[in-house]
N, C-alpha and C. Protein backbone atom coordinates (compact mmCIF):
# COMPACT_ATOMS: atom_id res chain seq x y z
N MET A 1 -27.64 -150.33 -97.20
CA MET A 1 -29.01 -150.36 -96.72
C MET A 1 -29.42 -148.97 -96.26
N GLY A 2 -30.49 -148.49 -96.82
CA GLY A 2 -30.99 -147.19 -96.40
C GLY A 2 -31.73 -147.32 -95.08
N CYS A 3 -31.66 -146.28 -94.28
CA CYS A 3 -32.35 -146.35 -92.99
C CYS A 3 -33.67 -145.59 -93.03
N ALA A 4 -34.07 -145.15 -94.20
CA ALA A 4 -35.37 -144.48 -94.31
C ALA A 4 -36.48 -145.49 -94.01
N GLY A 5 -37.51 -145.03 -93.36
CA GLY A 5 -38.63 -145.92 -93.02
C GLY A 5 -39.29 -146.46 -94.27
N SER A 6 -39.44 -147.76 -94.34
CA SER A 6 -40.09 -148.33 -95.52
C SER A 6 -41.58 -148.46 -95.26
N THR A 7 -42.34 -148.04 -96.24
CA THR A 7 -43.80 -148.14 -96.10
C THR A 7 -44.28 -149.37 -96.85
N PRO A 8 -45.29 -150.04 -96.33
CA PRO A 8 -45.80 -151.22 -97.02
C PRO A 8 -46.31 -150.86 -98.41
N LYS A 9 -46.19 -151.80 -99.33
CA LYS A 9 -46.61 -151.60 -100.72
C LYS A 9 -48.08 -151.18 -100.81
N VAL A 10 -48.89 -151.70 -99.92
CA VAL A 10 -50.33 -151.44 -99.95
C VAL A 10 -50.63 -149.95 -99.91
N ASP A 11 -49.87 -149.20 -99.10
CA ASP A 11 -50.12 -147.77 -98.93
C ASP A 11 -50.02 -147.00 -100.24
N GLU A 12 -49.14 -147.45 -101.15
CA GLU A 12 -48.95 -146.75 -102.41
C GLU A 12 -50.18 -146.87 -103.30
N ASN A 13 -50.81 -148.02 -103.30
CA ASN A 13 -51.93 -148.28 -104.21
C ASN A 13 -53.30 -148.07 -103.57
N SER A 14 -53.35 -148.21 -102.27
CA SER A 14 -54.64 -148.22 -101.59
C SER A 14 -55.11 -146.81 -101.27
N LYS A 15 -56.39 -146.59 -101.45
CA LYS A 15 -56.98 -145.29 -101.15
C LYS A 15 -57.48 -145.26 -99.71
N LYS A 16 -57.57 -144.06 -99.17
CA LYS A 16 -58.17 -143.88 -97.85
C LYS A 16 -59.66 -144.15 -97.98
N LEU A 17 -60.22 -144.82 -97.00
CA LEU A 17 -61.65 -145.14 -97.04
C LEU A 17 -62.50 -143.91 -96.84
N LYS A 18 -63.62 -143.89 -97.56
CA LYS A 18 -64.62 -142.84 -97.40
C LYS A 18 -65.98 -143.49 -97.28
N LYS A 19 -66.90 -142.76 -96.69
CA LYS A 19 -68.26 -143.26 -96.56
C LYS A 19 -68.90 -143.43 -97.94
N THR A 20 -69.76 -144.42 -98.09
CA THR A 20 -70.48 -144.64 -99.33
C THR A 20 -71.41 -143.46 -99.59
N LYS A 21 -71.51 -143.04 -100.84
CA LYS A 21 -72.44 -141.97 -101.19
C LYS A 21 -73.87 -142.45 -100.93
N PRO A 22 -74.78 -141.53 -100.58
CA PRO A 22 -76.18 -141.94 -100.38
C PRO A 22 -76.70 -142.63 -101.64
N TRP A 23 -77.49 -143.67 -101.43
CA TRP A 23 -78.05 -144.42 -102.55
C TRP A 23 -79.45 -144.87 -102.21
N LYS A 24 -80.20 -145.19 -103.25
CA LYS A 24 -81.59 -145.58 -103.07
C LYS A 24 -81.78 -146.98 -103.64
N HIS A 25 -82.44 -147.85 -102.88
CA HIS A 25 -82.73 -149.19 -103.37
C HIS A 25 -83.87 -149.08 -104.38
N THR A 26 -84.01 -150.08 -105.25
CA THR A 26 -85.05 -150.05 -106.28
C THR A 26 -86.45 -149.87 -105.67
N GLN A 27 -86.64 -150.42 -104.48
CA GLN A 27 -87.89 -150.20 -103.75
C GLN A 27 -87.55 -150.08 -102.27
N ALA A 28 -88.41 -149.39 -101.54
CA ALA A 28 -88.17 -149.22 -100.11
C ALA A 28 -88.09 -150.60 -99.44
N ILE A 29 -87.10 -150.78 -98.58
CA ILE A 29 -86.93 -152.05 -97.88
C ILE A 29 -86.81 -151.81 -96.38
N THR A 30 -87.10 -152.85 -95.62
CA THR A 30 -86.98 -152.76 -94.17
C THR A 30 -85.56 -153.15 -93.76
N LEU A 31 -85.23 -152.85 -92.54
CA LEU A 31 -83.91 -153.23 -92.01
C LEU A 31 -83.75 -154.75 -92.04
N GLU A 32 -84.85 -155.45 -91.77
CA GLU A 32 -84.82 -156.92 -91.79
C GLU A 32 -84.47 -157.44 -93.19
N GLN A 33 -85.08 -156.83 -94.23
CA GLN A 33 -84.78 -157.24 -95.61
C GLN A 33 -83.33 -156.91 -95.97
N LEU A 34 -82.87 -155.75 -95.52
CA LEU A 34 -81.49 -155.34 -95.79
C LEU A 34 -80.51 -156.32 -95.14
N THR A 35 -80.78 -156.68 -93.90
CA THR A 35 -79.94 -157.64 -93.18
C THR A 35 -79.91 -158.98 -93.91
N GLN A 36 -81.05 -159.42 -94.40
CA GLN A 36 -81.13 -160.69 -95.12
C GLN A 36 -80.30 -160.62 -96.42
N MET A 37 -80.42 -159.51 -97.14
CA MET A 37 -79.63 -159.33 -98.37
C MET A 37 -78.13 -159.39 -98.05
N ARG A 38 -77.74 -158.71 -96.98
CA ARG A 38 -76.33 -158.70 -96.59
C ARG A 38 -75.84 -160.09 -96.22
N ASP A 39 -76.63 -160.81 -95.43
CA ASP A 39 -76.24 -162.16 -95.02
C ASP A 39 -76.08 -163.07 -96.24
N GLU A 40 -77.02 -162.96 -97.19
CA GLU A 40 -76.94 -163.78 -98.40
C GLU A 40 -75.69 -163.46 -99.19
N PHE A 41 -75.37 -162.16 -99.30
CA PHE A 41 -74.16 -161.77 -100.03
C PHE A 41 -72.92 -162.37 -99.38
N TRP A 42 -72.77 -162.16 -98.07
CA TRP A 42 -71.56 -162.62 -97.38
C TRP A 42 -71.47 -164.15 -97.38
N ASP A 43 -72.62 -164.84 -97.37
CA ASP A 43 -72.60 -166.31 -97.41
C ASP A 43 -72.13 -166.82 -98.77
N THR A 44 -72.48 -166.12 -99.84
CA THR A 44 -72.16 -166.62 -101.19
C THR A 44 -70.90 -166.01 -101.78
N ALA A 45 -70.47 -164.84 -101.31
CA ALA A 45 -69.34 -164.13 -101.91
C ALA A 45 -68.08 -164.98 -102.07
N PRO A 46 -67.65 -165.74 -101.06
CA PRO A 46 -66.40 -166.51 -101.22
C PRO A 46 -66.45 -167.55 -102.35
N HIS A 47 -67.65 -167.94 -102.76
CA HIS A 47 -67.78 -168.93 -103.84
C HIS A 47 -67.45 -168.34 -105.20
N TYR A 48 -67.38 -167.01 -105.29
CA TYR A 48 -67.09 -166.35 -106.57
C TYR A 48 -65.60 -166.11 -106.77
N GLY A 49 -64.78 -166.57 -105.84
CA GLY A 49 -63.34 -166.41 -105.97
C GLY A 49 -62.76 -165.57 -104.85
N GLY A 50 -61.45 -165.51 -104.83
CA GLY A 50 -60.77 -164.78 -103.78
C GLY A 50 -60.61 -165.65 -102.54
N GLN A 51 -59.96 -165.09 -101.54
CA GLN A 51 -59.65 -165.84 -100.32
C GLN A 51 -60.70 -165.58 -99.24
N LYS A 52 -61.08 -166.63 -98.55
CA LYS A 52 -62.07 -166.49 -97.49
C LYS A 52 -61.63 -165.49 -96.42
N GLU A 53 -60.34 -165.50 -96.11
CA GLU A 53 -59.83 -164.57 -95.08
C GLU A 53 -60.05 -163.12 -95.50
N ILE A 54 -59.88 -162.85 -96.79
CA ILE A 54 -60.07 -161.48 -97.29
C ILE A 54 -61.55 -161.12 -97.23
N TRP A 55 -62.41 -162.05 -97.64
CA TRP A 55 -63.86 -161.80 -97.55
C TRP A 55 -64.26 -161.52 -96.10
N ASP A 56 -63.70 -162.30 -95.17
CA ASP A 56 -64.01 -162.10 -93.74
C ASP A 56 -63.55 -160.72 -93.27
N ALA A 57 -62.36 -160.31 -93.73
CA ALA A 57 -61.84 -158.99 -93.36
C ALA A 57 -62.70 -157.89 -93.96
N LEU A 58 -63.13 -158.09 -95.21
CA LEU A 58 -63.98 -157.09 -95.86
C LEU A 58 -65.32 -156.96 -95.14
N ARG A 59 -65.86 -158.10 -94.71
CA ARG A 59 -67.13 -158.04 -93.97
C ARG A 59 -66.94 -157.28 -92.65
N ALA A 60 -65.86 -157.60 -91.94
CA ALA A 60 -65.60 -156.92 -90.67
C ALA A 60 -65.43 -155.41 -90.91
N ALA A 61 -64.73 -155.05 -91.98
CA ALA A 61 -64.51 -153.64 -92.30
C ALA A 61 -65.83 -152.97 -92.70
N ALA A 62 -66.66 -153.68 -93.47
CA ALA A 62 -67.94 -153.11 -93.92
C ALA A 62 -68.87 -152.84 -92.74
N GLU A 63 -68.72 -153.64 -91.68
CA GLU A 63 -69.61 -153.51 -90.53
C GLU A 63 -69.01 -152.63 -89.43
N ALA A 64 -67.81 -152.08 -89.67
CA ALA A 64 -67.12 -151.26 -88.66
C ALA A 64 -67.24 -149.77 -89.03
N ASP A 65 -66.86 -148.91 -88.08
CA ASP A 65 -66.80 -147.49 -88.42
C ASP A 65 -65.53 -147.25 -89.25
N LEU A 66 -65.42 -146.09 -89.88
CA LEU A 66 -64.33 -145.85 -90.83
C LEU A 66 -62.92 -146.05 -90.28
N PRO A 67 -62.57 -145.49 -89.11
CA PRO A 67 -61.18 -145.69 -88.65
C PRO A 67 -60.83 -147.17 -88.43
N LEU A 68 -61.76 -147.93 -87.86
CA LEU A 68 -61.52 -149.36 -87.65
C LEU A 68 -61.48 -150.09 -88.99
N ALA A 69 -62.37 -149.73 -89.90
CA ALA A 69 -62.39 -150.34 -91.23
C ALA A 69 -61.05 -150.12 -91.93
N GLN A 70 -60.50 -148.91 -91.81
CA GLN A 70 -59.21 -148.60 -92.42
C GLN A 70 -58.12 -149.50 -91.84
N THR A 71 -58.13 -149.67 -90.54
CA THR A 71 -57.15 -150.53 -89.87
C THR A 71 -57.28 -151.97 -90.35
N ILE A 72 -58.52 -152.45 -90.49
CA ILE A 72 -58.77 -153.83 -90.92
C ILE A 72 -58.23 -154.05 -92.34
N VAL A 73 -58.58 -153.16 -93.28
CA VAL A 73 -58.12 -153.37 -94.66
C VAL A 73 -56.61 -153.23 -94.77
N ASP A 74 -56.03 -152.29 -94.01
CA ASP A 74 -54.57 -152.13 -94.04
C ASP A 74 -53.86 -153.37 -93.51
N SER A 75 -54.34 -153.89 -92.38
CA SER A 75 -53.65 -155.04 -91.78
C SER A 75 -53.87 -156.33 -92.57
N ALA A 76 -54.96 -156.40 -93.34
CA ALA A 76 -55.21 -157.59 -94.16
C ALA A 76 -54.52 -157.49 -95.52
N GLY A 77 -53.88 -156.35 -95.79
CA GLY A 77 -53.20 -156.18 -97.08
C GLY A 77 -54.17 -156.00 -98.23
N ILE A 78 -55.33 -155.44 -97.97
CA ILE A 78 -56.34 -155.23 -99.01
C ILE A 78 -56.06 -153.91 -99.71
N ILE A 79 -56.06 -153.96 -101.04
CA ILE A 79 -55.85 -152.76 -101.84
C ILE A 79 -57.23 -152.23 -102.22
N VAL A 80 -57.52 -151.04 -101.75
CA VAL A 80 -58.84 -150.43 -101.97
C VAL A 80 -58.78 -149.57 -103.23
N SER A 81 -59.49 -149.98 -104.30
CA SER A 81 -59.49 -149.22 -105.55
C SER A 81 -60.51 -148.09 -105.51
N ASN A 82 -61.69 -148.38 -104.98
CA ASN A 82 -62.70 -147.34 -104.79
C ASN A 82 -62.75 -147.01 -103.31
N PRO A 83 -62.65 -145.72 -102.95
CA PRO A 83 -62.58 -145.36 -101.53
C PRO A 83 -63.79 -145.82 -100.71
N ASP A 84 -64.91 -146.11 -101.36
CA ASP A 84 -66.08 -146.59 -100.60
C ASP A 84 -66.08 -148.11 -100.45
N MET A 85 -64.99 -148.76 -100.84
CA MET A 85 -64.80 -150.22 -100.72
C MET A 85 -65.64 -151.05 -101.69
N THR A 86 -66.25 -150.42 -102.69
CA THR A 86 -67.03 -151.22 -103.64
C THR A 86 -66.13 -152.05 -104.56
N LEU A 87 -64.86 -151.67 -104.66
CA LEU A 87 -63.91 -152.44 -105.47
C LEU A 87 -62.58 -152.52 -104.74
N CYS A 88 -62.17 -153.76 -104.43
CA CYS A 88 -60.92 -153.99 -103.71
C CYS A 88 -60.18 -155.15 -104.37
N TYR A 89 -58.90 -155.24 -104.06
CA TYR A 89 -58.07 -156.35 -104.53
C TYR A 89 -57.24 -156.87 -103.36
N ASP A 90 -56.84 -158.15 -103.43
CA ASP A 90 -55.90 -158.63 -102.43
C ASP A 90 -54.50 -158.54 -103.05
N GLU A 91 -53.48 -158.92 -102.28
CA GLU A 91 -52.10 -158.78 -102.75
C GLU A 91 -51.79 -159.68 -103.93
N ARG A 92 -52.60 -160.70 -104.16
CA ARG A 92 -52.40 -161.59 -105.31
C ARG A 92 -53.10 -161.09 -106.56
N GLY A 93 -53.86 -160.00 -106.42
CA GLY A 93 -54.55 -159.44 -107.57
C GLY A 93 -55.99 -159.90 -107.73
N ALA A 94 -56.49 -160.72 -106.80
CA ALA A 94 -57.88 -161.16 -106.88
C ALA A 94 -58.80 -159.97 -106.61
N LYS A 95 -59.89 -159.92 -107.36
CA LYS A 95 -60.83 -158.79 -107.29
C LYS A 95 -61.98 -159.11 -106.35
N TYR A 96 -62.36 -158.11 -105.57
CA TYR A 96 -63.48 -158.24 -104.61
C TYR A 96 -64.41 -157.06 -104.84
N GLU A 97 -65.63 -157.35 -105.29
CA GLU A 97 -66.61 -156.28 -105.51
C GLU A 97 -67.68 -156.36 -104.43
N LEU A 98 -67.92 -155.23 -103.78
CA LEU A 98 -68.93 -155.18 -102.73
C LEU A 98 -70.09 -154.31 -103.16
N PRO A 99 -71.32 -154.83 -103.05
CA PRO A 99 -72.48 -153.99 -103.37
C PRO A 99 -72.68 -152.93 -102.28
N LYS A 100 -73.25 -151.81 -102.66
CA LYS A 100 -73.45 -150.72 -101.70
C LYS A 100 -74.28 -151.15 -100.50
N TYR A 101 -75.21 -152.10 -100.71
CA TYR A 101 -76.09 -152.48 -99.60
C TYR A 101 -75.38 -153.18 -98.45
N VAL A 102 -74.15 -153.68 -98.67
CA VAL A 102 -73.42 -154.24 -97.53
C VAL A 102 -72.58 -153.17 -96.82
N LEU A 103 -72.46 -152.01 -97.45
CA LEU A 103 -71.62 -150.95 -96.92
C LEU A 103 -72.38 -149.84 -96.20
N SER A 104 -73.63 -149.63 -96.62
CA SER A 104 -74.43 -148.57 -95.98
C SER A 104 -75.91 -148.85 -96.21
N GLU A 105 -76.73 -148.08 -95.51
CA GLU A 105 -78.18 -148.24 -95.63
C GLU A 105 -78.69 -147.35 -96.76
N PRO A 106 -79.71 -147.80 -97.47
CA PRO A 106 -80.28 -146.95 -98.52
C PRO A 106 -81.05 -145.77 -97.92
N THR A 107 -81.24 -144.74 -98.73
CA THR A 107 -81.98 -143.56 -98.26
C THR A 107 -83.46 -143.90 -98.07
N ASN A 108 -83.92 -144.93 -98.75
CA ASN A 108 -85.35 -145.30 -98.64
C ASN A 108 -85.58 -146.52 -97.74
N LEU A 109 -84.74 -146.65 -96.72
CA LEU A 109 -84.91 -147.73 -95.74
C LEU A 109 -86.14 -147.43 -94.87
N ILE A 110 -86.98 -148.44 -94.70
CA ILE A 110 -88.17 -148.29 -93.85
C ILE A 110 -87.77 -148.58 -92.41
N ARG A 111 -87.89 -147.60 -91.58
CA ARG A 111 -87.57 -147.81 -90.16
C ARG A 111 -88.86 -148.08 -89.40
N ASP A 112 -88.83 -149.12 -88.59
CA ASP A 112 -90.03 -149.47 -87.80
C ASP A 112 -90.27 -148.40 -86.74
N GLY A 113 -91.53 -147.96 -86.65
CA GLY A 113 -91.89 -147.00 -85.62
C GLY A 113 -91.67 -145.63 -86.14
């Protein structure tokens, strides 16, 4: 038995998280509309496959700052294929695709006031 520290398999395949690149929605939207789009996505996402626990972890990571998001995906065993979290896999190989609008705000977001 080697005494070298063993690293979890996830670290080999998973990328370090990075902020989503700036993006523009097809039309300017308000924060309220963005929130509604996000809620609808998270409500329906588990119905497209994958494990509910992973979807819950992805949502928590998407709504957290980067260091916390990294901790969440690492502890949930999520393999991050795209550093901005738009494409992830769980340890069983199930695919999880996240739209940019759940990860960051568009450049054309209408701010009240």
